[in-house]
Amino acid sequence: MPDTEHTDGGKRQEPDGTTLTVEEWIELMNRHDSFDQYAKKRKKEQREKRREEQE
């Protein structure tokens, strides 16, 4: 990948032109989706709470 000079003197890499499939894009976005992460955390907490109540 060619490097180009950045205005602050640092170098940044240019994209290589590859694209993600729809599935790869969705998976990538889900990893960074705070609402999805929050929902997973809440479900986990609810499961743990139910287990404690059953004991």
N, C-alpha and C. Protein backbone atom coordinates (compact mmCIF):
# COMPACT_ATOMS: atom_id res chain seq x y z
N MET A 1 0.83 -1.18 0.00
CA MET A 1 0.00 0.00 0.00
C MET A 1 0.88 1.25 0.00
N PRO A 2 0.58 2.19 -0.81
CA PRO A 2 1.41 3.40 -0.82
C PRO A 2 1.11 4.27 0.40
N ASP A 3 2.15 4.87 0.94
CA ASP A 3 1.99 5.80 2.05
C ASP A 3 1.95 7.22 1.50
N THR A 4 1.18 8.06 2.13
CA THR A 4 1.14 9.46 1.72
C THR A 4 1.46 10.32 2.93
N GLU A 5 2.08 11.45 2.70
CA GLU A 5 2.39 12.36 3.79
C GLU A 5 1.11 12.99 4.30
N HIS A 6 0.98 13.01 5.59
CA HIS A 6 -0.18 13.62 6.23
C HIS A 6 0.20 15.06 6.59
N THR A 7 -0.78 15.92 6.81
CA THR A 7 -0.50 17.32 7.09
C THR A 7 0.31 17.50 8.36
N ASP A 8 0.17 16.59 9.32
CA ASP A 8 0.92 16.73 10.58
C ASP A 8 2.31 16.12 10.49
N GLY A 9 2.73 15.72 9.30
CA GLY A 9 4.07 15.17 9.12
C GLY A 9 4.11 13.66 9.26
N GLY A 10 3.07 13.05 9.82
CA GLY A 10 3.02 11.60 9.96
C GLY A 10 2.59 10.96 8.65
N LYS A 11 2.74 9.66 8.57
CA LYS A 11 2.30 8.95 7.37
C LYS A 11 1.03 8.19 7.67
N ARG A 12 0.19 8.06 6.69
CA ARG A 12 -0.99 7.23 6.83
C ARG A 12 -1.08 6.32 5.63
N GLN A 13 -1.69 5.17 5.83
CA GLN A 13 -1.77 4.20 4.74
C GLN A 13 -3.04 4.43 3.93
N GLU A 14 -2.90 4.32 2.63
CA GLU A 14 -4.05 4.40 1.74
C GLU A 14 -4.75 3.05 1.73
N PRO A 15 -6.07 3.01 1.60
CA PRO A 15 -6.77 1.73 1.51
C PRO A 15 -6.32 0.96 0.28
N ASP A 16 -6.34 -0.37 0.39
CA ASP A 16 -5.85 -1.18 -0.72
C ASP A 16 -6.95 -1.52 -1.73
N GLY A 17 -8.14 -1.02 -1.53
CA GLY A 17 -9.20 -1.22 -2.51
C GLY A 17 -10.04 -2.46 -2.30
N THR A 18 -9.74 -3.27 -1.28
CA THR A 18 -10.56 -4.46 -1.04
C THR A 18 -11.83 -4.05 -0.31
N THR A 19 -12.89 -4.79 -0.55
CA THR A 19 -14.15 -4.49 0.11
C THR A 19 -14.59 -5.70 0.92
N LEU A 20 -15.44 -5.44 1.90
CA LEU A 20 -15.98 -6.50 2.73
C LEU A 20 -17.27 -7.02 2.13
N THR A 21 -17.55 -8.29 2.39
CA THR A 21 -18.86 -8.82 2.00
C THR A 21 -19.89 -8.26 2.97
N VAL A 22 -21.15 -8.38 2.64
CA VAL A 22 -22.21 -7.89 3.52
C VAL A 22 -22.11 -8.57 4.89
N GLU A 23 -21.88 -9.88 4.89
CA GLU A 23 -21.79 -10.63 6.14
C GLU A 23 -20.61 -10.15 6.99
N GLU A 24 -19.47 -9.92 6.34
CA GLU A 24 -18.29 -9.44 7.07
C GLU A 24 -18.55 -8.05 7.66
N TRP A 25 -19.22 -7.20 6.90
CA TRP A 25 -19.52 -5.85 7.36
C TRP A 25 -20.46 -5.89 8.57
N ILE A 26 -21.51 -6.71 8.49
CA ILE A 26 -22.46 -6.82 9.59
C ILE A 26 -21.76 -7.34 10.84
N GLU A 27 -20.93 -8.36 10.67
CA GLU A 27 -20.19 -8.91 11.81
C GLU A 27 -19.28 -7.86 12.43
N LEU A 28 -18.59 -7.10 11.61
CA LEU A 28 -17.70 -6.05 12.10
C LEU A 28 -18.49 -4.98 12.86
N MET A 29 -19.61 -4.57 12.31
CA MET A 29 -20.42 -3.54 12.96
C MET A 29 -21.02 -4.04 14.27
N ASN A 30 -21.41 -5.30 14.31
CA ASN A 30 -21.98 -5.86 15.54
C ASN A 30 -20.95 -5.91 16.66
N ARG A 31 -19.70 -6.11 16.31
CA ARG A 31 -18.65 -6.14 17.33
C ARG A 31 -18.51 -4.80 18.00
N HIS A 32 -18.82 -3.73 17.29
CA HIS A 32 -18.64 -2.38 17.82
C HIS A 32 -19.96 -1.71 18.18
N ASP A 33 -21.04 -2.45 18.14
CA ASP A 33 -22.36 -1.90 18.42
C ASP A 33 -22.60 -1.88 19.93
N SER A 34 -22.62 -0.70 20.51
CA SER A 34 -22.76 -0.59 21.97
C SER A 34 -24.12 -1.10 22.44
N PHE A 35 -25.17 -0.90 21.66
CA PHE A 35 -26.49 -1.39 22.06
C PHE A 35 -26.51 -2.92 22.08
N ASP A 36 -25.88 -3.55 21.10
CA ASP A 36 -25.81 -5.01 21.06
C ASP A 36 -25.01 -5.52 22.26
N GLN A 37 -23.90 -4.86 22.56
CA GLN A 37 -23.09 -5.26 23.71
C GLN A 37 -23.88 -5.08 25.01
N TYR A 38 -24.64 -4.00 25.10
CA TYR A 38 -25.45 -3.75 26.29
C TYR A 38 -26.51 -4.84 26.45
N ALA A 39 -27.16 -5.20 25.34
CA ALA A 39 -28.19 -6.24 25.38
C ALA A 39 -27.60 -7.57 25.83
N LYS A 40 -26.44 -7.92 25.32
CA LYS A 40 -25.78 -9.17 25.73
C LYS A 40 -25.46 -9.15 27.22
N LYS A 41 -24.99 -8.01 27.70
CA LYS A 41 -24.64 -7.89 29.11
C LYS A 41 -25.89 -8.05 29.98
N ARG A 42 -26.99 -7.41 29.59
CA ARG A 42 -28.24 -7.51 30.35
C ARG A 42 -28.76 -8.95 30.38
N LYS A 43 -28.70 -9.64 29.23
CA LYS A 43 -29.16 -11.03 29.18
C LYS A 43 -28.32 -11.90 30.11
N LYS A 44 -27.02 -11.67 30.10
CA LYS A 44 -26.12 -12.45 30.96
C LYS A 44 -26.45 -12.20 32.43
N GLU A 45 -26.67 -10.93 32.78
CA GLU A 45 -27.01 -10.60 34.16
C GLU A 45 -28.33 -11.24 34.58
N GLN A 46 -29.32 -11.24 33.67
CA GLN A 46 -30.61 -11.85 33.99
C GLN A 46 -30.48 -13.35 34.19
N ARG A 47 -29.68 -14.02 33.35
CA ARG A 47 -29.46 -15.47 33.51
C ARG A 47 -28.81 -15.77 34.86
N GLU A 48 -27.80 -14.97 35.22
CA GLU A 48 -27.11 -15.18 36.49
C GLU A 48 -28.06 -14.96 37.67
N LYS A 49 -28.91 -13.96 37.55
CA LYS A 49 -29.86 -13.66 38.63
C LYS A 49 -30.85 -14.81 38.79
N ARG A 50 -31.34 -15.35 37.66
CA ARG A 50 -32.27 -16.49 37.74
C ARG A 50 -31.61 -17.71 38.36
N ARG A 51 -30.34 -17.96 38.02
CA ARG A 51 -29.61 -19.09 38.60
C ARG A 51 -29.48 -18.95 40.12
N GLU A 52 -29.18 -17.72 40.55
CA GLU A 52 -29.04 -17.48 41.98
C GLU A 52 -30.38 -17.69 42.69
N GLU A 53 -31.48 -17.30 42.06
CA GLU A 53 -32.80 -17.46 42.66
C GLU A 53 -33.19 -18.93 42.75
N GLN A 54 -32.75 -19.72 41.80
CA GLN A 54 -33.10 -21.14 41.78
C GLN A 54 -32.34 -21.93 42.84
N GLU A 55 -31.19 -21.43 43.24
CA GLU A 55 -30.36 -22.15 44.22
C GLU A 55 -30.87 -22.04 45.61
